[in-house]
Amino acid sequence: MVYVDGDNDLEPFALSDVNEIEAASLPQNIRVSALVDRTPGESSADGNWTDTRYGLISSDTNLNHISSDLTSWGERNMGDPATLTEFINAAALAAPADNYALVIWNHGGGIRGVAWDDSSNSANLSLNEVSQAIAASNVTSFGMIGFDACLQGVLDQAYALRNQTNYLVVSEDTEPGDGWDYTNWLSIFQQSTPSALQVATQAVNSFESFYRAQGNNQVTLSVVDTVQVGGVATAWSSFAQAVTTAGRSAIQTLHSSSSSALSFQDNTYVDLRSLMSNFMQLNAVANLDTSAQNVLTALSSAVVETGGLTTASGLTVYLPDSSHNGYLNSSEFPVVDLTGVSDFYSAYWA
């Protein structure tokens, strides 16, 4: 299932990726459903329709024309969780399966969510709305959920979906407009019956290979084992509590660690391994080193594949230098509800 929100400036890339899916050589027992939303004024290709269309993808090697029979659903708001729920249900009804995967395609905003729809007043799906849409559908658990979108490799996203998929495929950094390499990703199904982990890993490996061939080794994409995500969140919570308890000196050490760590989107999303490693180098308090090491151990168990930038660990934490009280006060961010995390951010931003 591919939820293609092209109702924005990414529309040309949306059409290109649907063509890549059509170009994949799939066995008859593998079906791909797509919901494709377009926007006026970006691309005139394929009849220049601007509504929202759904259908099963058919095979076609013409990368300049979508030949799949997509039926109009009228103009839908892709930023409405009800639309995602309806798509999942329609896809499962049209092609019942033993195993399902879901890809959400669009802009990603990290903790702000995904799937901005310009024709619907720029509505988008929050982290919790993605989870709620899945919970309301007839497919409440997936083998893999992927985000062909920027910045969704943040711990908050993984934690929100930890009980709804076996594996998560996400990017710590922004993604190039071309996004995933769908043709080569889906080639995994030419094998006998790949596992969910193999499917997720192929998404990362094909993505890495596509951009490496263009001389770009700076992209990020990772596979996260959601069974282990709770352990990362718990370790992060314990570390946050320990730093807060240790006082201002430890907070300042963490600020210094963050400023020199690998980070993305103007130092807003900080690579978790880089942050903890830097902290352990600068810190002089033994129990804090233990807490940081526990985060690294949990992270190592959770991230099972990475591609692209070798220094990226696969998950970030939201750690901007300036305060964001909405992050603390919103029920949208379950990581903040973990013991001590809200107090930690208040101290960090004091």
Protein backbone atom coordinates (compact mmCIF):
# COMPACT_ATOMS: atom_id res chain seq x y z
CA MET A 1 0.00 0.00 0.00
CA VAL A 2 1.46 3.35 -1.08
CA TYR A 3 -0.21 6.54 0.13
CA VAL A 4 1.01 9.08 -2.42
CA ASP A 5 0.27 12.63 -1.35
CA GLY A 6 1.31 14.62 -4.40
CA ASP A 7 -1.05 17.50 -3.66
CA ASN A 8 1.86 19.92 -3.26
CA ASP A 9 5.12 20.88 -4.91
CA LEU A 10 6.27 17.23 -4.99
CA GLU A 11 3.68 16.22 -7.60
CA PRO A 12 6.18 15.54 -10.43
CA PHE A 13 8.11 13.19 -8.15
CA ALA A 14 4.87 11.48 -7.13
CA LEU A 15 4.08 10.64 -10.76
CA SER A 16 7.63 9.46 -11.31
CA ASP A 17 7.48 7.10 -8.35
CA VAL A 18 4.15 5.61 -9.45
CA ASN A 19 5.82 4.89 -12.77
CA GLU A 20 8.71 3.25 -10.93
CA ILE A 21 6.24 0.98 -9.15
CA GLU A 22 4.65 0.05 -12.48
CA ALA A 23 8.10 -0.80 -13.85
CA ALA A 24 8.78 -3.34 -11.11
CA SER A 25 8.47 -6.94 -12.22
CA LEU A 26 6.19 -8.47 -9.60
CA PRO A 27 4.85 -12.01 -9.31
CA GLN A 28 1.07 -12.43 -9.46
CA ASN A 29 0.75 -12.96 -5.71
CA ILE A 30 2.19 -9.51 -4.96
CA ARG A 31 -0.14 -6.55 -5.45
CA VAL A 32 0.53 -2.87 -4.91
CA SER A 33 -2.32 -0.49 -4.19
CA ALA A 34 -1.90 3.27 -4.45
CA LEU A 35 -3.90 6.31 -3.51
CA VAL A 36 -2.55 9.23 -5.56
CA ASP A 37 -3.51 12.85 -4.95
CA ARG A 38 -2.42 15.58 -7.35
CA THR A 39 -2.45 19.37 -7.35
CA PRO A 40 -3.13 22.05 -9.96
CA GLY A 41 -0.22 23.90 -11.48
CA GLU A 42 2.73 21.59 -10.86
CA SER A 43 2.66 18.94 -13.61
CA SER A 44 0.45 18.56 -16.67
CA ALA A 45 1.46 14.93 -17.26
CA ASP A 46 -0.96 12.02 -17.57
CA GLY A 47 -4.01 14.09 -18.44
CA ASN A 48 -3.35 16.77 -15.81
CA TRP A 49 -6.02 15.42 -13.46
CA THR A 50 -5.97 17.05 -10.05
CA ASP A 51 -8.25 14.89 -7.91
CA THR A 52 -7.46 11.85 -5.77
CA ARG A 53 -7.37 8.45 -7.48
CA TYR A 54 -7.12 4.91 -6.19
CA GLY A 55 -6.31 1.57 -7.79
CA LEU A 56 -4.15 -1.50 -8.03
CA ILE A 57 -0.90 -0.87 -9.88
CA SER A 58 -0.44 -2.70 -13.16
CA SER A 59 2.84 -3.55 -14.84
CA ASP A 60 4.17 -1.06 -17.39
CA THR A 61 7.74 -0.30 -18.49
CA ASN A 62 6.92 3.19 -19.79
CA LEU A 63 8.39 5.50 -17.17
CA ASN A 64 6.67 8.55 -18.68
CA HIS A 65 3.06 7.42 -18.45
CA ILE A 66 0.91 5.90 -15.70
CA SER A 67 -1.09 3.08 -17.24
CA SER A 68 -2.70 1.72 -14.07
CA ASP A 69 -6.48 2.04 -13.87
CA LEU A 70 -6.91 4.59 -11.10
CA THR A 71 -10.48 5.45 -10.10
CA SER A 72 -11.38 8.94 -8.93
CA TRP A 73 -12.35 9.36 -5.29
CA GLY A 74 -13.00 13.05 -5.87
CA GLU A 75 -10.79 15.53 -4.08
CA ARG A 76 -9.65 14.03 -0.77
CA ASN A 77 -7.72 15.53 2.09
CA MET A 78 -4.59 13.40 2.43
CA GLY A 79 -3.92 15.14 5.74
CA ASP A 80 -7.11 13.65 7.20
CA PRO A 81 -6.59 10.35 9.06
CA ALA A 82 -9.98 9.16 7.77
CA THR A 83 -8.55 9.21 4.23
CA LEU A 84 -5.64 6.99 5.26
CA THR A 85 -8.02 4.61 7.03
CA GLU A 86 -10.27 4.41 3.98
CA PHE A 87 -7.30 3.71 1.73
CA ILE A 88 -5.99 0.91 3.93
CA ASN A 89 -9.43 -0.70 4.02
CA ALA A 90 -9.91 -0.39 0.25
CA ALA A 91 -6.48 -1.85 -0.44
CA ALA A 92 -7.00 -4.79 1.92
CA LEU A 93 -10.42 -5.49 0.37
CA ALA A 94 -9.13 -5.34 -3.20
CA ALA A 95 -6.07 -7.50 -2.51
CA PRO A 96 -6.38 -9.53 0.71
CA ALA A 97 -2.99 -10.72 1.91
CA ASP A 98 -1.22 -12.58 4.66
CA ASN A 99 1.26 -9.74 5.01
CA TYR A 100 0.91 -6.01 4.43
CA ALA A 101 3.31 -3.11 4.05
CA LEU A 102 2.42 0.58 4.05
CA VAL A 103 4.43 3.47 2.64
CA ILE A 104 3.45 7.07 3.34
CA TRP A 105 4.84 9.30 0.60
CA ASN A 106 5.14 13.08 0.90
CA HIS A 107 6.86 15.84 2.80
CA GLY A 108 7.92 14.89 6.29
CA GLY A 109 8.26 17.32 9.15
CA GLY A 110 9.72 15.19 11.92
CA ILE A 111 7.62 15.72 15.04
CA ARG A 112 5.14 17.81 13.00
CA GLY A 113 4.10 14.74 11.05
CA VAL A 114 3.69 14.02 7.33
CA ALA A 115 1.44 14.32 4.28
CA TRP A 116 0.72 18.01 3.70
CA ASP A 117 -2.22 18.57 1.34
CA ASP A 118 -2.15 21.99 -0.33
CA SER A 119 -5.72 21.72 -1.62
CA SER A 120 -6.98 21.16 1.93
CA ASN A 121 -5.52 24.26 3.59
CA SER A 122 -2.16 22.50 4.04
CA ALA A 123 -3.64 19.94 6.44
CA ASN A 124 -1.29 17.15 7.41
CA LEU A 125 -1.17 13.95 9.44
CA SER A 126 0.32 14.31 12.90
CA LEU A 127 2.33 11.46 14.43
CA ASN A 128 -0.66 10.32 16.46
CA GLU A 129 -3.06 10.69 13.52
CA VAL A 130 -1.04 8.20 11.50
CA SER A 131 -1.27 5.76 14.39
CA GLN A 132 -4.98 6.47 14.91
CA ALA A 133 -5.74 5.97 11.21
CA ILE A 134 -4.10 2.56 11.27
CA ALA A 135 -5.85 1.59 14.50
CA ALA A 136 -9.21 2.52 12.95
CA SER A 137 -8.60 0.39 9.85
CA ASN A 138 -9.14 -3.30 9.19
CA VAL A 139 -5.37 -3.85 9.09
CA THR A 140 -4.10 -2.95 12.53
CA SER A 141 -0.61 -4.40 12.16
CA PHE A 142 1.86 -4.27 9.29
CA GLY A 143 5.04 -6.16 8.56
CA MET A 144 6.61 -2.88 7.50
CA ILE A 145 5.66 0.77 7.55
CA GLY A 146 7.88 3.13 5.62
CA PHE A 147 8.03 6.87 5.27
CA ASP A 148 9.27 8.09 1.91
CA ALA A 149 9.50 11.48 3.56
CA CYS A 150 11.99 13.71 5.32
CA LEU A 151 12.98 13.62 8.98
CA GLN A 152 10.70 10.80 10.21
CA GLY A 153 13.64 8.92 11.73
CA VAL A 154 12.93 10.66 15.03
CA LEU A 155 12.32 8.58 18.15
CA ASP A 156 8.83 10.08 18.56
CA GLN A 157 7.71 8.62 15.23
CA ALA A 158 9.08 5.17 15.97
CA TYR A 159 7.57 5.17 19.45
CA ALA A 160 4.13 6.20 18.17
CA LEU A 161 4.02 3.21 15.78
CA ARG A 162 5.88 0.66 17.88
CA ASN A 163 2.82 -1.59 18.30
CA GLN A 164 1.53 -1.33 14.73
CA THR A 165 4.38 -2.62 12.61
CA ASN A 166 7.26 -5.06 12.92
CA TYR A 167 9.70 -2.80 11.11
CA LEU A 168 9.86 0.88 10.36
CA VAL A 169 11.81 2.43 7.46
CA VAL A 170 12.65 6.08 8.08
CA SER A 171 15.13 8.83 7.24
CA GLU A 172 16.89 10.91 9.87
CA ASP A 173 17.64 13.67 7.37
CA THR A 174 15.74 15.29 4.53
CA GLU A 175 15.37 13.12 1.45
CA PRO A 176 16.09 14.16 -2.16
CA GLY A 177 12.98 14.71 -4.26
CA ASP A 178 13.40 11.41 -6.09
CA GLY A 179 12.84 9.58 -2.81
CA TRP A 180 12.96 5.80 -2.81
CA ASP A 181 13.98 3.64 -5.76
CA TYR A 182 10.71 1.75 -6.07
CA THR A 183 11.62 -0.43 -9.03
CA ASN A 184 14.72 -1.86 -7.39
CA TRP A 185 13.12 -2.01 -3.96
CA LEU A 186 10.21 -4.10 -5.21
CA SER A 187 12.59 -6.42 -7.08
CA ILE A 188 12.96 -8.22 -3.73
CA PHE A 189 9.66 -9.94 -4.51
CA GLN A 190 11.24 -11.73 -7.45
CA GLN A 191 12.78 -13.97 -4.79
CA SER A 192 10.80 -16.79 -3.19
CA THR A 193 9.00 -15.22 -0.21
CA PRO A 194 10.98 -12.44 1.46
CA SER A 195 10.41 -11.71 5.13
CA ALA A 196 9.24 -8.32 6.34
CA LEU A 197 12.80 -7.61 7.46
CA GLN A 198 14.17 -8.47 4.01
CA VAL A 199 11.60 -6.19 2.36
CA ALA A 200 12.49 -3.34 4.71
CA THR A 201 16.22 -3.90 4.25
CA GLN A 202 15.86 -3.87 0.47
CA ALA A 203 14.16 -0.47 0.70
CA VAL A 204 17.26 0.87 2.46
CA ASN A 205 19.81 -0.88 0.26
CA SER A 206 18.16 0.14 -3.02
CA PHE A 207 17.85 3.72 -1.77
CA GLU A 208 21.52 3.82 -0.85
CA SER A 209 22.60 2.30 -4.19
CA PHE A 210 20.45 4.72 -6.19
CA TYR A 211 22.06 7.79 -4.64
CA ARG A 212 25.56 6.37 -4.46
CA ALA A 213 25.42 5.93 -8.23
CA GLN A 214 24.83 9.69 -8.40
CA GLY A 215 27.77 10.40 -6.09
CA ASN A 216 25.56 11.14 -3.10
CA ASN A 217 26.66 9.33 0.06
CA GLN A 218 24.97 11.75 2.44
CA VAL A 219 21.42 10.38 2.36
CA THR A 220 20.01 8.53 5.35
CA LEU A 221 17.56 5.65 5.61
CA SER A 222 17.27 2.97 8.27
CA VAL A 223 15.29 -0.07 9.36
CA VAL A 224 14.08 0.01 12.95
CA ASP A 225 12.91 -3.10 14.81
CA THR A 226 9.87 -1.77 16.63
CA VAL A 227 10.01 -4.48 19.30
CA GLN A 228 13.16 -2.75 20.51
CA VAL A 229 11.88 0.83 20.29
CA GLY A 230 10.39 0.76 23.77
CA GLY A 231 13.83 -0.06 25.12
CA VAL A 232 15.34 2.97 23.38
CA ALA A 233 12.60 5.24 24.72
CA THR A 234 13.04 3.89 28.24
CA ALA A 235 16.80 4.34 28.09
CA TRP A 236 16.38 7.89 26.77
CA SER A 237 13.93 8.62 29.61
CA SER A 238 16.37 7.27 32.20
CA PHE A 239 19.22 9.28 30.71
CA ALA A 240 17.06 12.42 30.73
CA GLN A 241 16.18 11.91 34.37
CA ALA A 242 19.82 11.32 35.32
CA VAL A 243 20.98 14.49 33.55
CA THR A 244 18.24 16.58 35.14
CA THR A 245 19.07 15.23 38.59
CA ALA A 246 22.78 15.89 38.09
CA GLY A 247 22.06 19.57 37.60
CA ARG A 248 23.22 22.46 35.48
CA SER A 249 26.71 21.19 34.82
CA ALA A 250 25.38 18.01 33.21
CA ILE A 251 22.86 20.03 31.19
CA GLN A 252 25.68 22.22 29.89
CA THR A 253 27.69 19.14 28.99
CA LEU A 254 24.74 17.86 26.98
CA HIS A 255 24.39 21.22 25.22
CA SER A 256 28.06 21.00 24.24
CA SER A 257 27.59 17.40 23.14
CA SER A 258 24.62 18.34 20.98
CA SER A 259 26.33 21.32 19.35
CA SER A 260 29.11 19.10 17.99
CA ALA A 261 26.95 16.04 17.24
CA LEU A 262 25.62 14.93 13.88
CA SER A 263 22.31 16.75 13.47
CA PHE A 264 19.72 17.64 10.87
CA GLN A 265 17.30 20.45 10.05
CA ASP A 266 19.26 23.30 11.64
CA ASN A 267 20.45 21.20 14.59
CA THR A 268 16.88 20.35 15.56
CA TYR A 269 17.10 16.56 15.17
CA VAL A 270 20.23 15.11 16.76
CA ASP A 271 21.60 11.69 15.91
CA LEU A 272 21.23 9.60 19.03
CA ARG A 273 24.49 7.68 18.78
CA SER A 274 26.50 10.81 18.04
CA LEU A 275 24.89 12.64 20.95
CA MET A 276 25.53 9.90 23.49
CA SER A 277 29.08 9.27 22.27
CA ASN A 278 29.93 12.95 22.52
CA PHE A 279 28.41 13.16 25.97
CA MET A 280 30.47 10.24 27.24
CA GLN A 281 33.65 11.92 25.97
CA LEU A 282 32.87 15.19 27.74
CA ASN A 283 31.20 13.93 30.89
CA ALA A 284 33.05 13.19 34.15
CA VAL A 285 30.21 11.65 36.18
CA ALA A 286 30.26 7.83 36.12
CA ASN A 287 26.55 7.15 36.54
CA LEU A 288 25.74 9.47 33.65
CA ASP A 289 28.13 7.55 31.42
CA THR A 290 26.25 4.39 32.38
CA SER A 291 22.94 5.98 31.41
CA ALA A 292 24.37 7.14 28.09
CA GLN A 293 25.80 3.69 27.38
CA ASN A 294 22.39 2.16 28.06
CA VAL A 295 20.94 4.39 25.34
CA LEU A 296 23.65 3.25 22.92
CA THR A 297 23.03 -0.41 23.75
CA ALA A 298 19.29 -0.08 23.22
CA LEU A 299 19.84 1.85 19.99
CA SER A 300 22.14 -0.85 18.65
CA SER A 301 19.42 -3.45 19.24
CA ALA A 302 16.70 -1.35 17.61
CA VAL A 303 18.37 -0.23 14.37
CA VAL A 304 19.01 -3.27 12.22
CA GLU A 305 20.06 -1.60 8.96
CA THR A 306 21.30 1.80 7.84
CA GLY A 307 22.15 3.18 4.42
CA GLY A 308 23.96 6.21 3.10
CA LEU A 309 25.71 8.44 5.62
CA THR A 310 27.89 6.07 7.62
CA THR A 311 27.98 8.27 10.72
CA ALA A 312 24.18 8.24 11.06
CA SER A 313 22.87 5.74 13.60
CA GLY A 314 19.30 5.43 12.28
CA LEU A 315 17.36 7.40 14.90
CA THR A 316 17.36 10.98 16.12
CA VAL A 317 15.94 12.76 19.14
CA TYR A 318 14.23 16.11 19.00
CA LEU A 319 16.63 18.47 20.75
CA PRO A 320 16.53 22.05 19.48
CA ASP A 321 18.50 24.65 21.41
CA SER A 322 15.54 26.97 21.75
CA SER A 323 12.44 26.09 23.74
CA HIS A 324 9.33 24.61 22.16
CA ASN A 325 6.65 24.51 24.81
CA GLY A 326 4.16 23.00 22.39
CA TYR A 327 6.27 19.87 22.34
CA LEU A 328 5.93 19.56 26.12
CA ASN A 329 2.25 20.40 26.37
CA SER A 330 0.90 18.39 23.45
CA SER A 331 -0.57 14.91 23.78
CA GLU A 332 0.81 14.31 20.29
CA PHE A 333 4.23 13.30 21.56
CA PRO A 334 4.12 10.17 23.73
CA VAL A 335 7.87 10.19 24.37
CA VAL A 336 7.37 13.36 26.40
CA ASP A 337 4.95 11.50 28.65
CA LEU A 338 7.68 9.11 29.77
CA THR A 339 8.89 9.65 33.31
CA GLY A 340 11.15 12.66 33.65
CA VAL A 341 11.28 13.63 29.96
CA SER A 342 9.15 16.77 30.25
CA ASP A 343 11.17 17.95 33.26
CA PHE A 344 14.36 17.29 31.33
CA TYR A 345 13.33 19.49 28.41
CA SER A 346 12.25 22.25 30.77
CA ALA A 347 15.69 22.14 32.38
CA TYR A 348 17.47 21.86 29.03
CA TRP A 349 15.70 24.94 27.71
CA ALA A 350 15.93 26.98 30.92
